[in-house]
């Protein structure tokens, strides 16, 4: 029993150390300003929209090509 108690104590100490290290690292983080955050968010939305449009166009082109190939085979 003494072995399991010391094992639990060591795990608890390890968890406490982990939490302290996480807090220490979070203090070092340089968080973006509100203006930077808004700019980054807009950039992400624009990129997602552009990529979606490009994928949609490529999908439409391939769909039409396959329709042409299907009709040519018949």
PDB file of N, CA and C in Angstrom:
ATOM      1  N   UNK A   1       0.817  -1.196   0.000  1.00  0.00           N
ATOM      2  CA  UNK A   1       0.000   0.000   0.000  1.00  0.00           C
ATOM      3  C   UNK A   1       0.855   1.252   0.000  1.00  0.00           C
ATOM      4  N   UNK A   2       1.959   1.188   0.680  1.00  0.00           N
ATOM      5  CA  UNK A   2       2.818   2.370   0.746  1.00  0.00           C
ATOM      6  C   UNK A   2       3.346   2.714  -0.634  1.00  0.00           C
ATOM      7  N   UNK A   3       3.573   1.682  -1.453  1.00  0.00           N
ATOM      8  CA  UNK A   3       4.077   1.920  -2.803  1.00  0.00           C
ATOM      9  C   UNK A   3       3.057   2.639  -3.670  1.00  0.00           C
ATOM     10  N   UNK A   4       1.786   2.262  -3.556  1.00  0.00           N
ATOM     11  CA  UNK A   4       0.763   2.918  -4.369  1.00  0.00           C
ATOM     12  C   UNK A   4       0.530   4.343  -3.906  1.00  0.00           C
ATOM     13  N   UNK A   5       0.660   4.594  -2.596  1.00  0.00           N
ATOM     14  CA  UNK A   5       0.463   5.937  -2.068  1.00  0.00           C
ATOM     15  C   UNK A   5       1.563   6.866  -2.574  1.00  0.00           C
ATOM     16  N   UNK A   6       2.804   6.393  -2.552  1.00  0.00           N
ATOM     17  CA  UNK A   6       3.899   7.236  -3.035  1.00  0.00           C
ATOM     18  C   UNK A   6       3.795   7.432  -4.547  1.00  0.00           C
ATOM     19  N   UNK A   7       3.282   6.420  -5.228  1.00  0.00           N
ATOM     20  CA  UNK A   7       3.080   6.534  -6.674  1.00  0.00           C
ATOM     21  C   UNK A   7       2.028   7.596  -6.983  1.00  0.00           C
ATOM     22  N   UNK A   8       0.944   7.594  -6.226  1.00  0.00           N
ATOM     23  CA  UNK A   8      -0.111   8.596  -6.406  1.00  0.00           C
ATOM     24  C   UNK A   8       0.415   9.980  -6.066  1.00  0.00           C
ATOM     25  N   UNK A   9       1.224  10.059  -5.020  1.00  0.00           N
ATOM     26  CA  UNK A   9       1.814  11.342  -4.618  1.00  0.00           C
ATOM     27  C   UNK A   9       2.743  11.859  -5.718  1.00  0.00           C
ATOM     28  N   UNK A  10       3.547  10.977  -6.302  1.00  0.00           N
ATOM     29  CA  UNK A  10       4.465  11.382  -7.368  1.00  0.00           C
ATOM     30  C   UNK A  10       3.687  11.859  -8.585  1.00  0.00           C
ATOM     31  N   UNK A  11       2.593  11.165  -8.907  1.00  0.00           N
ATOM     32  CA  UNK A  11       1.775  11.573 -10.046  1.00  0.00           C
ATOM     33  C   UNK A  11       1.141  12.930  -9.778  1.00  0.00           C
ATOM     34  N   UNK A  12       0.667  13.144  -8.560  1.00  0.00           N
ATOM     35  CA  UNK A  12       0.056  14.426  -8.206  1.00  0.00           C
ATOM     36  C   UNK A  12       1.101  15.537  -8.294  1.00  0.00           C
ATOM     37  N   UNK A  13       2.312  15.278  -7.809  1.00  0.00           N
ATOM     38  CA  UNK A  13       3.383  16.272  -7.905  1.00  0.00           C
ATOM     39  C   UNK A  13       3.728  16.555  -9.363  1.00  0.00           C
ATOM     40  N   UNK A  14       3.734  15.501 -10.180  1.00  0.00           N
ATOM     41  CA  UNK A  14       4.013  15.673 -11.607  1.00  0.00           C
ATOM     42  C   UNK A  14       2.944  16.510 -12.280  1.00  0.00           C
ATOM     43  N   UNK A  15       1.675  16.277 -11.918  1.00  0.00           N
ATOM     44  CA  UNK A  15       0.580  17.066 -12.486  1.00  0.00           C
ATOM     45  C   UNK A  15       0.690  18.518 -12.068  1.00  0.00           C
ATOM     46  N   UNK A  16       1.031  18.744 -10.803  1.00  0.00           N
ATOM     47  CA  UNK A  16       1.189  20.114 -10.317  1.00  0.00           C
ATOM     48  C   UNK A  16       2.319  20.825 -11.038  1.00  0.00           C
ATOM     49  N   UNK A  17       3.409  20.109 -11.258  1.00  0.00           N
ATOM     50  CA  UNK A  17       4.547  20.687 -11.984  1.00  0.00           C
ATOM     51  C   UNK A  17       4.128  21.045 -13.408  1.00  0.00           C
ATOM     52  N   UNK A  18       3.380  20.141 -14.029  1.00  0.00           N
ATOM     53  CA  UNK A  18       2.919  20.387 -15.397  1.00  0.00           C
ATOM     54  C   UNK A  18       2.076  21.655 -15.464  1.00  0.00           C
ATOM     55  N   UNK A  19       1.143  21.806 -14.529  1.00  0.00           N
ATOM     56  CA  UNK A  19       0.264  22.980 -14.511  1.00  0.00           C
ATOM     57  C   UNK A  19       1.084  24.247 -14.302  1.00  0.00           C
ATOM     58  N   UNK A  20       2.057  24.202 -13.395  1.00  0.00           N
ATOM     59  CA  UNK A  20       2.912  25.379 -13.163  1.00  0.00           C
ATOM     60  C   UNK A  20       3.696  25.740 -14.419  1.00  0.00           C
ATOM     61  N   UNK A  21       4.209  24.723 -15.123  1.00  0.00           N
ATOM     62  CA  UNK A  21       4.968  24.986 -16.348  1.00  0.00           C
ATOM     63  C   UNK A  21       4.074  25.565 -17.439  1.00  0.00           C
ATOM     64  N   UNK A  22       2.856  25.062 -17.533  1.00  0.00           N
ATOM     65  CA  UNK A  22       1.916  25.588 -18.529  1.00  0.00           C
ATOM     66  C   UNK A  22       1.619  27.051 -18.239  1.00  0.00           C
ATOM     67  N   UNK A  23       1.349  27.377 -16.992  1.00  0.00           N
ATOM     68  CA  UNK A  23       1.080  28.774 -16.624  1.00  0.00           C
ATOM     69  C   UNK A  23       2.281  29.653 -16.932  1.00  0.00           C
ATOM     70  N   UNK A  24       3.469  29.146 -16.650  1.00  0.00           N
ATOM     71  CA  UNK A  24       4.690  29.906 -16.917  1.00  0.00           C
ATOM     72  C   UNK A  24       4.833  30.176 -18.414  1.00  0.00           C
ATOM     73  N   UNK A  25       4.566  29.171 -19.235  1.00  0.00           N
ATOM     74  CA  UNK A  25       4.676  29.346 -20.687  1.00  0.00           C
ATOM     75  C   UNK A  25       3.606  30.298 -21.216  1.00  0.00           C
ATOM     76  N   UNK A  26       2.402  30.232 -20.659  1.00  0.00           N
ATOM     77  CA  UNK A  26       1.331  31.122 -21.113  1.00  0.00           C
ATOM     78  C   UNK A  26       1.642  32.580 -20.810  1.00  0.00           C
ATOM     79  N   UNK A  27       2.418  32.831 -19.766  1.00  0.00           N
ATOM     80  CA  UNK A  27       2.815  34.207 -19.464  1.00  0.00           C
ATOM     81  C   UNK A  27       3.770  34.752 -20.518  1.00  0.00           C
ATOM     82  N   UNK A  28       4.481  33.865 -21.210  1.00  0.00           N
ATOM     83  CA  UNK A  28       5.443  34.271 -22.237  1.00  0.00           C
ATOM     84  C   UNK A  28       4.781  34.532 -23.589  1.00  0.00           C
ATOM     85  N   UNK A  29       3.553  34.098 -23.753  1.00  0.00           N
ATOM     86  CA  UNK A  29       2.860  34.238 -25.034  1.00  0.00           C
ATOM     87  C   UNK A  29       2.566  35.708 -25.304  1.00  0.00           C
ATOM     88  N   UNK A  30       2.845  36.132 -26.534  1.00  0.00           N
ATOM     89  CA  UNK A  30       2.498  37.491 -26.951  1.00  0.00           C
ATOM     90  C   UNK A  30       1.172  37.385 -27.693  1.00  0.00           C
ATOM     91  N   UNK A  31       0.101  37.834 -27.057  1.00  0.00           N
ATOM     92  CA  UNK A  31      -1.228  37.729 -27.632  1.00  0.00           C
ATOM     93  C   UNK A  31      -1.437  38.852 -28.640  1.00  0.00           C
ATOM     94  N   UNK A  32      -2.178  38.588 -29.728  1.00  0.00           N
ATOM     95  CA  UNK A  32      -2.414  39.641 -30.727  1.00  0.00           C
ATOM     96  C   UNK A  32      -3.342  40.726 -30.180  1.00  0.00           C
ATOM     97  N   UNK A  33      -3.161  41.929 -30.727  1.00  0.00           N
ATOM     98  CA  UNK A  33      -4.066  43.015 -30.361  1.00  0.00           C
ATOM     99  C   UNK A  33      -5.403  42.773 -31.052  1.00  0.00           C
ATOM    100  N   UNK A  34      -6.410  43.541 -30.665  1.00  0.00           N
ATOM    101  CA  UNK A  34      -7.732  43.374 -31.271  1.00  0.00           C
ATOM    102  C   UNK A  34      -7.659  43.657 -32.769  1.00  0.00           C
ATOM    103  N   UNK A  35      -6.906  44.696 -33.157  1.00  0.00           N
ATOM    104  CA  UNK A  35      -6.788  45.048 -34.576  1.00  0.00           C
ATOM    105  C   UNK A  35      -6.113  43.914 -35.354  1.00  0.00           C
ATOM    106  N   UNK A  36      -5.040  43.345 -34.797  1.00  0.00           N
ATOM    107  CA  UNK A  36      -4.366  42.233 -35.463  1.00  0.00           C
ATOM    108  C   UNK A  36      -5.302  41.037 -35.590  1.00  0.00           C
ATOM    109  N   UNK A  37      -6.034  40.759 -34.528  1.00  0.00           N
ATOM    110  CA  UNK A  37      -6.953  39.627 -34.534  1.00  0.00           C
ATOM    111  C   UNK A  37      -8.022  39.788 -35.611  1.00  0.00           C
ATOM    112  N   UNK A  38      -8.578  40.993 -35.728  1.00  0.00           N
ATOM    113  CA  UNK A  38      -9.587  41.259 -36.755  1.00  0.00           C
ATOM    114  C   UNK A  38      -8.968  41.090 -38.142  1.00  0.00           C
ATOM    115  N   UNK A  39      -7.763  41.626 -38.343  1.00  0.00           N
ATOM    116  CA  UNK A  39      -7.098  41.501 -39.644  1.00  0.00           C
ATOM    117  C   UNK A  39      -6.822  40.043 -39.994  1.00  0.00           C
ATOM    118  N   UNK A  40      -6.337  39.269 -39.034  1.00  0.00           N
ATOM    119  CA  UNK A  40      -6.061  37.857 -39.284  1.00  0.00           C
ATOM    120  C   UNK A  40      -7.348  37.090 -39.589  1.00  0.00           C
ATOM    121  N   UNK A  41      -8.415  37.416 -38.877  1.00  0.00           N
ATOM    122  CA  UNK A  41      -9.695  36.745 -39.097  1.00  0.00           C
ATOM    123  C   UNK A  41     -10.221  37.042 -40.491  1.00  0.00           C
ATOM    124  N   UNK A  42     -10.136  38.297 -40.903  1.00  0.00           N
ATOM    125  CA  UNK A  42     -10.577  38.674 -42.252  1.00  0.00           C
ATOM    126  C   UNK A  42      -9.734  37.949 -43.294  1.00  0.00           C
ATOM    127  N   UNK A  43      -8.428  37.887 -43.078  1.00  0.00           N
ATOM    128  CA  UNK A  43      -7.542  37.195 -44.021  1.00  0.00           C
ATOM    129  C   UNK A  43      -7.919  35.723 -44.147  1.00  0.00           C
ATOM    130  N   UNK A  44      -8.251  35.087 -43.043  1.00  0.00           N
ATOM    131  CA  UNK A  44      -8.640  33.675 -43.079  1.00  0.00           C
ATOM    132  C   UNK A  44      -9.947  33.503 -43.843  1.00  0.00           C
ATOM    133  N   UNK A  45     -10.940  34.363 -43.579  1.00  0.00           N
ATOM    134  CA  UNK A  45     -12.213  34.262 -44.294  1.00  0.00           C
ATOM    135  C   UNK A  45     -12.027  34.473 -45.792  1.00  0.00           C
ATOM    136  N   UNK A  46     -11.227  35.455 -46.169  1.00  0.00           N
ATOM    137  CA  UNK A  46     -10.978  35.715 -47.592  1.00  0.00           C
ATOM    138  C   UNK A  46     -10.290  34.513 -48.229  1.00  0.00           C
ATOM    139  N   UNK A  47      -9.297  33.954 -47.545  1.00  0.00           N
ATOM    140  CA  UNK A  47      -8.596  32.788 -48.083  1.00  0.00           C
ATOM    141  C   UNK A  47      -9.542  31.601 -48.243  1.00  0.00           C
ATOM    142  N   UNK A  48     -10.395  31.368 -47.265  1.00  0.00           N
ATOM    143  CA  UNK A  48     -11.346  30.250 -47.339  1.00  0.00           C
ATOM    144  C   UNK A  48     -12.306  30.447 -48.502  1.00  0.00           C
ATOM    145  N   UNK A  49     -12.804  31.663 -48.674  1.00  0.00           N
ATOM    146  CA  UNK A  49     -13.734  31.943 -49.773  1.00  0.00           C
ATOM    147  C   UNK A  49     -13.041  31.752 -51.117  1.00  0.00           C
ATOM    148  N   UNK A  50     -11.820  32.283 -51.261  1.00  0.00           N
ATOM    149  CA  UNK A  50     -11.092  32.132 -52.526  1.00  0.00           C
ATOM    150  C   UNK A  50     -10.822  30.669 -52.853  1.00  0.00           C
ATOM    151  N   UNK A  51     -10.358  29.920 -51.882  1.00  0.00           N
ATOM    152  CA  UNK A  51     -10.084  28.501 -52.113  1.00  0.00           C
ATOM    153  C   UNK A  51     -11.371  27.757 -52.454  1.00  0.00           C
ATOM    154  N   UNK A  52     -12.468  28.096 -51.791  1.00  0.00           N
ATOM    155  CA  UNK A  52     -13.757  27.451 -52.083  1.00  0.00           C
ATOM    156  C   UNK A  52     -14.196  27.735 -53.510  1.00  0.00           C
ATOM    157  N   UNK A  53     -14.037  28.975 -53.949  1.00  0.00           N
ATOM    158  CA  UNK A  53     -14.413  29.335 -55.321  1.00  0.00           C
ATOM    159  C   UNK A  53     -13.537  28.585 -56.318  1.00  0.00           C
ATOM    160  N   UNK A  54     -12.235  28.523 -56.055  1.00  0.00           N
ATOM    161  CA  UNK A  54     -11.326  27.815 -56.963  1.00  0.00           C
ATOM    162  C   UNK A  54     -11.694  26.339 -57.041  1.00  0.00           C
ATOM    163  N   UNK A  55     -11.947  25.716 -55.906  1.00  0.00           N
ATOM    164  CA  UNK A  55     -12.327  24.300 -55.904  1.00  0.00           C
ATOM    165  C   UNK A  55     -13.651  24.106 -56.636  1.00  0.00           C
ATOM    166  N   UNK A  56     -14.600  25.012 -56.445  1.00  0.00           N
ATOM    167  CA  UNK A  56     -15.877  24.923 -57.151  1.00  0.00           C
ATOM    168  C   UNK A  56     -15.704  25.021 -58.655  1.00  0.00           C
ATOM    169  N   UNK A  57     -14.855  25.938 -59.105  1.00  0.00           N
ATOM    170  CA  UNK A  57     -14.604  26.090 -60.547  1.00  0.00           C
ATOM    171  C   UNK A  57     -13.949  24.835 -61.110  1.00  0.00           C
ATOM    172  N   UNK A  58     -12.927  24.327 -60.429  1.00  0.00           N
ATOM    173  CA  UNK A  58     -12.246  23.117 -60.894  1.00  0.00           C
ATOM    174  C   UNK A  58     -13.218  21.941 -60.920  1.00  0.00           C
ATOM    175  N   UNK A  59     -14.072  21.828 -59.925  1.00  0.00           N
ATOM    176  CA  UNK A  59     -15.060  20.755 -59.874  1.00  0.00           C
ATOM    177  C   UNK A  59     -16.024  20.850 -61.054  1.00  0.00           C
ATOM    178  N   UNK A  60     -16.483  22.059 -61.348  1.00  0.00           N
ATOM    179  CA  UNK A  60     -17.402  22.257 -62.469  1.00  0.00           C
ATOM    180  C   UNK A  60     -16.733  21.902 -63.794  1.00  0.00           C
ATOM    181  N   UNK A  61     -15.487  22.319 -63.956  1.00  0.00           N
ATOM    182  CA  UNK A  61     -14.753  22.012 -65.195  1.00  0.00           C
ATOM    183  C   UNK A  61     -14.611  20.503 -65.362  1.00  0.00           C
ATOM    184  N   UNK A  62     -14.204  19.811 -64.306  1.00  0.00           N
ATOM    185  CA  UNK A  62     -14.054  18.361 -64.406  1.00  0.00           C
ATOM    186  C   UNK A  62     -15.396  17.672 -64.648  1.00  0.00           C
ATOM    187  N   UNK A  63     -16.455  18.146 -64.034  1.00  0.00           N
ATOM    188  CA  UNK A  63     -17.777  17.555 -64.249  1.00  0.00           C
ATOM    189  C   UNK A  63     -18.180  17.684 -65.714  1.00  0.00           C
ATOM    190  N   UNK A  64     -17.952  18.858 -66.296  1.00  0.00           N
ATOM    191  CA  UNK A  64     -18.287  19.057 -67.708  1.00  0.00           C
ATOM    192  C   UNK A  64     -17.412  18.190 -68.612  1.00  0.00           C
ATOM    193  N   UNK A  65     -16.130  18.067 -68.281  1.00  0.00           N
ATOM    194  CA  UNK A  65     -15.245  17.211 -69.076  1.00  0.00           C
ATOM    195  C   UNK A  65     -15.701  15.759 -69.038  1.00  0.00           C
ATOM    196  N   UNK A  66     -16.094  15.285 -67.876  1.00  0.00           N
ATOM    197  CA  UNK A  66     -16.566  13.909 -67.777  1.00  0.00           C
ATOM    198  C   UNK A  66     -17.882  13.713 -68.523  1.00  0.00           C
ATOM    199  N   UNK A  67     -18.747  14.727 -68.525  1.00  0.00           N
ATOM    200  CA  UNK A  67     -19.981  14.637 -69.313  1.00  0.00           C
ATOM    201  C   UNK A  67     -19.650  14.518 -70.795  1.00  0.00           C
ATOM    202  N   UNK A  68     -18.688  15.310 -71.258  1.00  0.00           N
ATOM    203  CA  UNK A  68     -18.274  15.233 -72.659  1.00  0.00           C
ATOM    204  C   UNK A  68     -17.682  13.866 -72.985  1.00  0.00           C
ATOM    205  N   UNK A  69     -16.861  13.350 -72.088  1.00  0.00           N
ATOM    206  CA  UNK A  69     -16.274  12.032 -72.315  1.00  0.00           C
ATOM    207  C   UNK A  69     -17.340  10.944 -72.338  1.00  0.00           C
ATOM    208  N   UNK A  70     -18.317  11.037 -71.437  1.00  0.00           N
ATOM    209  CA  UNK A  70     -19.392  10.048 -71.413  1.00  0.00           C
ATOM    210  C   UNK A  70     -20.204  10.085 -72.700  1.00  0.00           C
ATOM    211  N   UNK A  71     -20.489  11.296 -73.168  1.00  0.00           N
ATOM    212  CA  UNK A  71     -21.282  11.404 -74.397  1.00  0.00           C
ATOM    213  C   UNK A  71     -20.469  10.973 -75.615  1.00  0.00           C
ATOM    214  N   UNK A  72     -19.161  11.140 -75.589  1.00  0.00           N
ATOM    215  CA  UNK A  72     -18.314  10.734 -76.712  1.00  0.00           C
ATOM    216  C   UNK A  72     -18.186   9.219 -76.782  1.00  0.00           C
ATOM    217  N   UNK A  73     -18.245   8.549 -75.650  1.00  0.00           N
ATOM    218  CA  UNK A  73     -18.106   7.097 -75.610  1.00  0.00           C
ATOM    219  C   UNK A  73     -19.366   6.429 -76.132  1.00  0.00           C
ATOM    220  N   UNK A  74     -20.521   7.009 -75.926  1.00  0.00           N
ATOM    221  CA  UNK A  74     -21.788   6.401 -76.353  1.00  0.00           C
ATOM    222  C   UNK A  74     -21.910   6.477 -77.789  1.00  0.00           C
TER     223      UNK A  74
END
